[in-house]
Amino acid sequence: MFEIHPAAVDKAAALAQKEKVEPSASAMVLWENGEENGYILYRIEKDTVELLCARCADADLQEWLVRAALNAAVNRNAITAICRSAELFGLLHGLGFAEDGDSLSMFIPDFFNRPCAGKCNSCG
């Protein structure tokens, strides 16, 4: 069983420092069986969220981190997601992100208005 929760401001800042990104980043932290097992850093500006990096050994759980960050972004009125981090491109392509110059992007409402890849057995 796993849970994903927003990181406290100081935790997000520490993760941002570790990843060498601006300290204004927000973070979601994944907990599995009571232990921290991954995180995603993102930044929301106006109506856009930028996915900065994600760390998790399990690719399926890394997808859930992306979903959590996008959900947090929607709750703050973001409608567009972008990513310039090439290490996430493989995962994001599989989630429907499209190439946009040297980055990937997604209209967030489209992301949440389509069924998932079938891994959760809940979508149609």
N, C-alpha and C. Protein backbone atom coordinates (compact mmCIF):
# COMPACT_ATOMS: atom_id res chain seq x y z
N MET A 1 0.83 -1.17 0.00
CA MET A 1 0.00 0.00 0.00
C MET A 1 0.88 1.24 0.00
N PHE A 2 0.48 2.25 -0.78
CA PHE A 2 1.25 3.49 -0.81
C PHE A 2 0.32 4.68 -0.65
N GLU A 3 0.93 5.79 -0.23
CA GLU A 3 0.23 7.06 -0.08
C GLU A 3 1.12 8.15 -0.65
N ILE A 4 0.49 9.19 -1.19
CA ILE A 4 1.22 10.34 -1.69
C ILE A 4 0.64 11.57 -1.00
N HIS A 5 1.54 12.37 -0.41
CA HIS A 5 1.11 13.56 0.32
C HIS A 5 1.97 14.75 -0.10
N PRO A 6 1.38 15.96 -0.05
CA PRO A 6 2.19 17.15 -0.29
C PRO A 6 3.28 17.26 0.77
N ALA A 7 4.44 17.68 0.34
CA ALA A 7 5.55 17.87 1.29
C ALA A 7 5.41 19.22 1.97
N ALA A 8 5.82 19.28 3.21
CA ALA A 8 5.89 20.55 3.92
C ALA A 8 6.90 21.45 3.19
N VAL A 9 6.77 22.74 3.40
CA VAL A 9 7.62 23.72 2.70
C VAL A 9 9.10 23.42 2.93
N ASP A 10 9.50 23.11 4.16
CA ASP A 10 10.91 22.85 4.44
C ASP A 10 11.39 21.56 3.77
N LYS A 11 10.53 20.55 3.70
CA LYS A 11 10.88 19.30 3.03
C LYS A 11 11.03 19.54 1.53
N ALA A 12 10.09 20.29 0.95
CA ALA A 12 10.16 20.60 -0.48
C ALA A 12 11.44 21.38 -0.79
N ALA A 13 11.79 22.33 0.07
CA ALA A 13 13.01 23.11 -0.13
C ALA A 13 14.25 22.22 -0.06
N ALA A 14 14.27 21.28 0.87
CA ALA A 14 15.41 20.36 1.00
C ALA A 14 15.53 19.48 -0.24
N LEU A 15 14.41 18.98 -0.75
CA LEU A 15 14.44 18.17 -1.97
C LEU A 15 14.88 19.00 -3.17
N ALA A 16 14.42 20.25 -3.25
CA ALA A 16 14.82 21.14 -4.34
C ALA A 16 16.33 21.39 -4.29
N GLN A 17 16.85 21.59 -3.08
CA GLN A 17 18.30 21.79 -2.95
C GLN A 17 19.05 20.54 -3.38
N LYS A 18 18.56 19.39 -2.98
CA LYS A 18 19.19 18.11 -3.34
C LYS A 18 19.22 17.94 -4.86
N GLU A 19 18.14 18.34 -5.54
CA GLU A 19 18.03 18.19 -6.98
C GLU A 19 18.58 19.39 -7.76
N LYS A 20 19.05 20.41 -7.02
CA LYS A 20 19.61 21.61 -7.62
C LYS A 20 18.60 22.35 -8.51
N VAL A 21 17.38 22.48 -7.98
CA VAL A 21 16.36 23.29 -8.65
C VAL A 21 15.99 24.43 -7.71
N GLU A 22 15.31 25.43 -8.25
CA GLU A 22 14.93 26.60 -7.45
C GLU A 22 14.15 26.18 -6.21
N PRO A 23 14.44 26.80 -5.08
CA PRO A 23 13.78 26.41 -3.83
C PRO A 23 12.28 26.70 -3.79
N SER A 24 11.76 27.40 -4.80
CA SER A 24 10.32 27.68 -4.82
C SER A 24 9.50 26.48 -5.30
N ALA A 25 10.15 25.36 -5.53
CA ALA A 25 9.45 24.17 -6.02
C ALA A 25 8.54 23.59 -4.93
N SER A 26 7.45 23.00 -5.39
CA SER A 26 6.57 22.23 -4.50
C SER A 26 6.92 20.76 -4.68
N ALA A 27 6.49 19.93 -3.74
CA ALA A 27 6.82 18.51 -3.83
C ALA A 27 5.66 17.66 -3.32
N MET A 28 5.56 16.48 -3.89
CA MET A 28 4.70 15.42 -3.40
C MET A 28 5.64 14.28 -3.01
N VAL A 29 5.37 13.65 -1.87
CA VAL A 29 6.21 12.57 -1.39
C VAL A 29 5.39 11.29 -1.33
N LEU A 30 5.97 10.22 -1.85
CA LEU A 30 5.32 8.92 -1.85
C LEU A 30 5.82 8.11 -0.66
N TRP A 31 4.88 7.55 0.08
CA TRP A 31 5.18 6.70 1.23
C TRP A 31 4.67 5.30 0.92
N GLU A 32 5.50 4.31 1.14
CA GLU A 32 5.11 2.92 0.91
C GLU A 32 5.47 2.12 2.16
N ASN A 33 4.46 1.49 2.74
CA ASN A 33 4.65 0.72 3.97
C ASN A 33 5.36 1.53 5.05
N GLY A 34 4.95 2.80 5.18
CA GLY A 34 5.49 3.65 6.23
C GLY A 34 6.85 4.26 5.96
N GLU A 35 7.41 4.02 4.77
CA GLU A 35 8.73 4.56 4.45
C GLU A 35 8.65 5.45 3.22
N GLU A 36 9.42 6.53 3.24
CA GLU A 36 9.48 7.41 2.08
C GLU A 36 10.13 6.65 0.93
N ASN A 37 9.45 6.65 -0.22
CA ASN A 37 9.93 5.84 -1.33
C ASN A 37 9.98 6.60 -2.65
N GLY A 38 9.82 7.91 -2.61
CA GLY A 38 9.91 8.67 -3.85
C GLY A 38 9.31 10.05 -3.68
N TYR A 39 9.54 10.88 -4.70
CA TYR A 39 9.00 12.23 -4.67
C TYR A 39 8.98 12.80 -6.09
N ILE A 40 8.22 13.86 -6.24
CA ILE A 40 8.20 14.63 -7.47
C ILE A 40 8.27 16.10 -7.09
N LEU A 41 9.07 16.85 -7.84
CA LEU A 41 9.17 18.29 -7.67
C LEU A 41 8.51 18.97 -8.85
N TYR A 42 7.77 20.02 -8.58
CA TYR A 42 7.08 20.75 -9.63
C TYR A 42 6.93 22.21 -9.21
N ARG A 43 6.68 23.06 -10.21
CA ARG A 43 6.50 24.47 -9.94
C ARG A 43 5.25 24.93 -10.68
N ILE A 44 4.38 25.65 -9.99
CA ILE A 44 3.16 26.17 -10.60
C ILE A 44 3.30 27.68 -10.73
N GLU A 45 3.16 28.17 -11.95
CA GLU A 45 3.16 29.61 -12.22
C GLU A 45 1.97 29.92 -13.10
N LYS A 46 1.11 30.77 -12.59
CA LYS A 46 -0.13 31.16 -13.28
C LYS A 46 -0.93 29.91 -13.61
N ASP A 47 -1.13 29.62 -14.90
CA ASP A 47 -1.97 28.47 -15.27
C ASP A 47 -1.15 27.28 -15.77
N THR A 48 0.14 27.26 -15.42
CA THR A 48 1.04 26.21 -15.92
C THR A 48 1.81 25.56 -14.78
N VAL A 49 1.91 24.25 -14.84
CA VAL A 49 2.75 23.51 -13.91
C VAL A 49 3.92 22.95 -14.69
N GLU A 50 5.10 23.10 -14.15
CA GLU A 50 6.29 22.49 -14.75
C GLU A 50 6.74 21.35 -13.86
N LEU A 51 6.80 20.15 -14.44
CA LEU A 51 7.31 18.99 -13.73
C LEU A 51 8.83 19.05 -13.81
N LEU A 52 9.50 19.11 -12.67
CA LEU A 52 10.94 19.32 -12.63
C LEU A 52 11.73 18.03 -12.55
N CYS A 53 11.33 17.12 -11.69
CA CYS A 53 12.00 15.83 -11.58
C CYS A 53 11.14 14.90 -10.75
N ALA A 54 11.36 13.62 -10.91
CA ALA A 54 10.66 12.62 -10.11
C ALA A 54 11.65 11.51 -9.79
N ARG A 55 11.63 11.05 -8.58
CA ARG A 55 12.51 9.97 -8.14
C ARG A 55 11.67 8.88 -7.49
N CYS A 56 11.72 7.71 -8.08
CA CYS A 56 11.05 6.55 -7.51
C CYS A 56 11.54 5.34 -8.30
N ALA A 57 11.94 4.30 -7.62
CA ALA A 57 12.48 3.12 -8.30
C ALA A 57 11.42 2.38 -9.11
N ASP A 58 10.17 2.47 -8.69
CA ASP A 58 9.08 1.75 -9.34
C ASP A 58 8.40 2.66 -10.35
N ALA A 59 8.47 2.32 -11.65
CA ALA A 59 7.91 3.15 -12.71
C ALA A 59 6.40 3.35 -12.55
N ASP A 60 5.69 2.33 -12.10
CA ASP A 60 4.24 2.48 -11.90
C ASP A 60 3.96 3.51 -10.81
N LEU A 61 4.74 3.50 -9.75
CA LEU A 61 4.55 4.48 -8.68
C LEU A 61 4.97 5.86 -9.13
N GLN A 62 5.96 5.93 -10.00
CA GLN A 62 6.38 7.23 -10.53
C GLN A 62 5.23 7.87 -11.32
N GLU A 63 4.46 7.05 -12.03
CA GLU A 63 3.28 7.57 -12.72
C GLU A 63 2.31 8.19 -11.74
N TRP A 64 2.10 7.56 -10.58
CA TRP A 64 1.19 8.10 -9.58
C TRP A 64 1.70 9.42 -9.02
N LEU A 65 3.01 9.59 -8.93
CA LEU A 65 3.56 10.86 -8.50
C LEU A 65 3.22 11.97 -9.50
N VAL A 66 3.32 11.65 -10.78
CA VAL A 66 2.96 12.62 -11.82
C VAL A 66 1.48 12.98 -11.67
N ARG A 67 0.64 11.98 -11.52
CA ARG A 67 -0.80 12.23 -11.36
C ARG A 67 -1.08 13.11 -10.14
N ALA A 68 -0.38 12.87 -9.04
CA ALA A 68 -0.57 13.67 -7.83
C ALA A 68 -0.17 15.13 -8.07
N ALA A 69 0.95 15.33 -8.75
CA ALA A 69 1.40 16.70 -9.04
C ALA A 69 0.41 17.41 -9.96
N LEU A 70 -0.09 16.70 -10.97
CA LEU A 70 -1.07 17.32 -11.88
C LEU A 70 -2.37 17.63 -11.15
N ASN A 71 -2.78 16.77 -10.25
CA ASN A 71 -3.98 17.03 -9.47
C ASN A 71 -3.79 18.26 -8.59
N ALA A 72 -2.65 18.37 -7.95
CA ALA A 72 -2.36 19.56 -7.13
C ALA A 72 -2.37 20.81 -8.00
N ALA A 73 -1.85 20.70 -9.21
CA ALA A 73 -1.82 21.84 -10.13
C ALA A 73 -3.23 22.27 -10.53
N VAL A 74 -4.08 21.30 -10.85
CA VAL A 74 -5.46 21.61 -11.21
C VAL A 74 -6.16 22.31 -10.05
N ASN A 75 -5.88 21.87 -8.85
CA ASN A 75 -6.49 22.50 -7.68
C ASN A 75 -6.04 23.94 -7.49
N ARG A 76 -4.95 24.33 -8.17
CA ARG A 76 -4.46 25.71 -8.13
C ARG A 76 -4.69 26.39 -9.49
N ASN A 77 -5.65 25.85 -10.25
CA ASN A 77 -6.12 26.44 -11.51
C ASN A 77 -5.15 26.34 -12.68
N ALA A 78 -4.20 25.43 -12.64
CA ALA A 78 -3.33 25.21 -13.79
C ALA A 78 -4.08 24.39 -14.83
N ILE A 79 -3.85 24.69 -16.10
CA ILE A 79 -4.48 23.93 -17.18
C ILE A 79 -3.47 23.30 -18.12
N THR A 80 -2.21 23.71 -18.00
CA THR A 80 -1.17 23.18 -18.87
C THR A 80 -0.04 22.62 -18.03
N ALA A 81 0.47 21.47 -18.45
CA ALA A 81 1.65 20.88 -17.81
C ALA A 81 2.78 20.86 -18.83
N ILE A 82 3.97 21.19 -18.39
CA ILE A 82 5.15 21.11 -19.24
C ILE A 82 6.25 20.38 -18.49
N CYS A 83 7.18 19.84 -19.25
CA CYS A 83 8.35 19.19 -18.66
C CYS A 83 9.52 19.38 -19.60
N ARG A 84 10.62 19.86 -19.05
CA ARG A 84 11.87 20.03 -19.81
C ARG A 84 12.92 19.00 -19.40
N SER A 85 12.56 18.15 -18.46
CA SER A 85 13.50 17.16 -17.92
C SER A 85 13.45 15.89 -18.77
N ALA A 86 14.45 15.70 -19.59
CA ALA A 86 14.47 14.57 -20.53
C ALA A 86 14.35 13.22 -19.82
N GLU A 87 14.78 13.13 -18.57
CA GLU A 87 14.69 11.85 -17.86
C GLU A 87 13.25 11.41 -17.64
N LEU A 88 12.30 12.34 -17.72
CA LEU A 88 10.89 11.99 -17.56
C LEU A 88 10.16 11.78 -18.89
N PHE A 89 10.82 12.05 -19.99
CA PHE A 89 10.14 12.01 -21.29
C PHE A 89 9.52 10.65 -21.60
N GLY A 90 10.21 9.57 -21.32
CA GLY A 90 9.68 8.24 -21.61
C GLY A 90 8.37 8.00 -20.88
N LEU A 91 8.35 8.29 -19.60
CA LEU A 91 7.15 8.13 -18.79
C LEU A 91 6.04 9.04 -19.30
N LEU A 92 6.35 10.30 -19.55
CA LEU A 92 5.33 11.27 -19.95
C LEU A 92 4.78 11.00 -21.34
N HIS A 93 5.62 10.52 -22.25
CA HIS A 93 5.11 10.11 -23.57
C HIS A 93 4.03 9.05 -23.38
N GLY A 94 4.28 8.09 -22.53
CA GLY A 94 3.33 7.02 -22.27
C GLY A 94 2.03 7.51 -21.63
N LEU A 95 2.08 8.68 -21.02
CA LEU A 95 0.90 9.26 -20.39
C LEU A 95 0.17 10.24 -21.30
N GLY A 96 0.65 10.37 -22.53
CA GLY A 96 -0.04 11.21 -23.50
C GLY A 96 0.54 12.60 -23.68
N PHE A 97 1.64 12.91 -23.04
CA PHE A 97 2.28 14.21 -23.26
C PHE A 97 2.81 14.26 -24.69
N ALA A 98 2.77 15.44 -25.29
CA ALA A 98 3.22 15.62 -26.67
C ALA A 98 4.47 16.48 -26.71
N GLU A 99 5.27 16.26 -27.74
CA GLU A 99 6.48 17.07 -27.91
C GLU A 99 6.09 18.50 -28.24
N ASP A 100 6.83 19.42 -27.64
CA ASP A 100 6.59 20.85 -27.82
C ASP A 100 7.95 21.53 -27.81
N GLY A 101 8.63 21.49 -28.95
CA GLY A 101 10.01 21.99 -29.01
C GLY A 101 10.93 21.08 -28.24
N ASP A 102 11.65 21.64 -27.26
CA ASP A 102 12.58 20.84 -26.45
C ASP A 102 11.94 20.34 -25.17
N SER A 103 10.62 20.43 -25.09
CA SER A 103 9.91 19.98 -23.90
C SER A 103 8.71 19.13 -24.30
N LEU A 104 8.01 18.64 -23.29
CA LEU A 104 6.74 17.93 -23.50
C LEU A 104 5.65 18.75 -22.82
N SER A 105 4.44 18.65 -23.36
CA SER A 105 3.35 19.38 -22.75
C SER A 105 2.05 18.57 -22.81
N MET A 106 1.09 19.00 -21.98
CA MET A 106 -0.21 18.33 -21.91
C MET A 106 -1.23 19.35 -21.43
N PHE A 107 -2.41 19.34 -22.05
CA PHE A 107 -3.55 20.10 -21.56
C PHE A 107 -4.14 19.25 -20.44
N ILE A 108 -4.03 19.70 -19.21
CA ILE A 108 -4.35 18.86 -18.04
C ILE A 108 -5.78 18.33 -18.06
N PRO A 109 -6.79 19.11 -18.42
CA PRO A 109 -8.14 18.53 -18.47
C PRO A 109 -8.22 17.30 -19.38
N ASP A 110 -7.51 17.31 -20.49
CA ASP A 110 -7.49 16.12 -21.37
C ASP A 110 -6.87 14.93 -20.65
N PHE A 111 -5.86 15.18 -19.86
CA PHE A 111 -5.20 14.11 -19.12
C PHE A 111 -6.17 13.40 -18.20
N PHE A 112 -6.96 14.18 -17.46
CA PHE A 112 -7.88 13.58 -16.49
C PHE A 112 -9.21 13.13 -17.09
N ASN A 113 -9.48 13.51 -18.34
CA ASN A 113 -10.74 13.11 -18.97
C ASN A 113 -10.59 11.93 -19.90
N ARG A 114 -9.55 11.15 -19.72
CA ARG A 114 -9.36 9.94 -20.51
C ARG A 114 -9.07 8.79 -19.56
N PRO A 115 -9.41 7.58 -19.97
CA PRO A 115 -9.11 6.45 -19.08
C PRO A 115 -7.60 6.23 -18.96
N CYS A 116 -7.20 5.65 -17.85
CA CYS A 116 -5.79 5.35 -17.69
C CYS A 116 -5.42 4.15 -18.56
N ALA A 117 -4.20 3.73 -18.46
CA ALA A 117 -3.70 2.62 -19.28
C ALA A 117 -4.21 1.27 -18.83
N GLY A 118 -5.12 1.25 -17.86
CA GLY A 118 -5.70 -0.01 -17.43
C GLY A 118 -5.02 -0.65 -16.24
N LYS A 119 -4.00 -0.02 -15.69
CA LYS A 119 -3.27 -0.60 -14.57
C LYS A 119 -4.08 -0.62 -13.28
N CYS A 120 -5.03 0.32 -13.17
CA CYS A 120 -5.74 0.44 -11.90
C CYS A 120 -7.04 -0.39 -11.88
N ASN A 121 -7.45 -0.88 -13.03
CA ASN A 121 -8.68 -1.68 -13.14
C ASN A 121 -9.92 -0.93 -12.70
N SER A 122 -9.87 0.40 -12.69
CA SER A 122 -11.03 1.21 -12.30
C SER A 122 -11.59 2.00 -13.46
N CYS A 123 -10.78 2.23 -14.47
CA CYS A 123 -11.20 3.08 -15.58
C CYS A 123 -11.80 2.23 -16.71
N GLY A 124 -12.61 2.89 -17.51
CA GLY A 124 -13.28 2.19 -18.60
C GLY A 124 -12.53 2.14 -19.86
